[in-house]
Amino acid sequence: MINQVDNFHNKKTRLYLVSKRITDIVLAMMGLIILSPVLLIVAIAIKIDSKGPIIFRQNRIGKNEKKFGMYKFRSMITNAEELKSELENKNEMAGPMFKMKDDPRITRVGKFIRKTSIDELPQLVNVIKGEMSLVGPRPSLPKEVEQFEPWMKERLLVQPGMTCFWQVLGRNNIPFEEWMKLDIKYVKEMNYWLDIKLIFKTFFVLFGDDNAS
């Protein structure tokens, strides 16, 4: 992994990495300020709708396999993790990822904020902290990374992101292995204008342009 990291940094210019970090900080801070009314309304709705914390913090694997706590608005009941084992046989996603269309653990408010990806907005804090980027492979759970094939770990050479190719090309409709290939594609092709393009495409996908690609 060390040689891979060295090779990766040799290929990417310092200017791009610095520009990417500055853009992350500026846009993430702007997002938190502009969206603060939405964040407040969602926080109140979650508190009224079900018992439990407003923010859900979950361990994820970041750049160079470093573990960090990823923030999300809580969209499930408080004992969701304990109930997961009972639903494993209903997993609709191939590979180590767990996805279930009508997951009974999701709250009423949770269904809406997950459908609109509003539940992901607290990750803007992770971006400001430098644990994530606006654009990059979605951060995986430790248990998922343990099941990765060696070639899949190349996606861990970069900062995980809030959006990526997977996010704009179909999300749960994309098979797991194809998802991993898209992440590797990003790692190999990443540049400033690709990041900007994916940010804009994510915006259009979230607000109804299902044909964005």
Foldseek 3Di string as FASTA:
>chain_A
DVVLLVVLCVVDDPVFVVVQLVVLQVVLVVCCVVCVVVLVVQQVCVVVFADDHQKDWAWFAWAPRDIDTAIFGDFFHPCVVVCVVVCVVQAPAPADDRDHDPDVRGTPSSVVCVLLVVRRSVNSVVSNVVQAGQEAAATHHPVRVVRDDPVLCSSNNHGHHPWFCCLLPPPRVDHPVVSSVRRVVCSVDPGDVVSVVRVVSNVCCSVDPNPRD
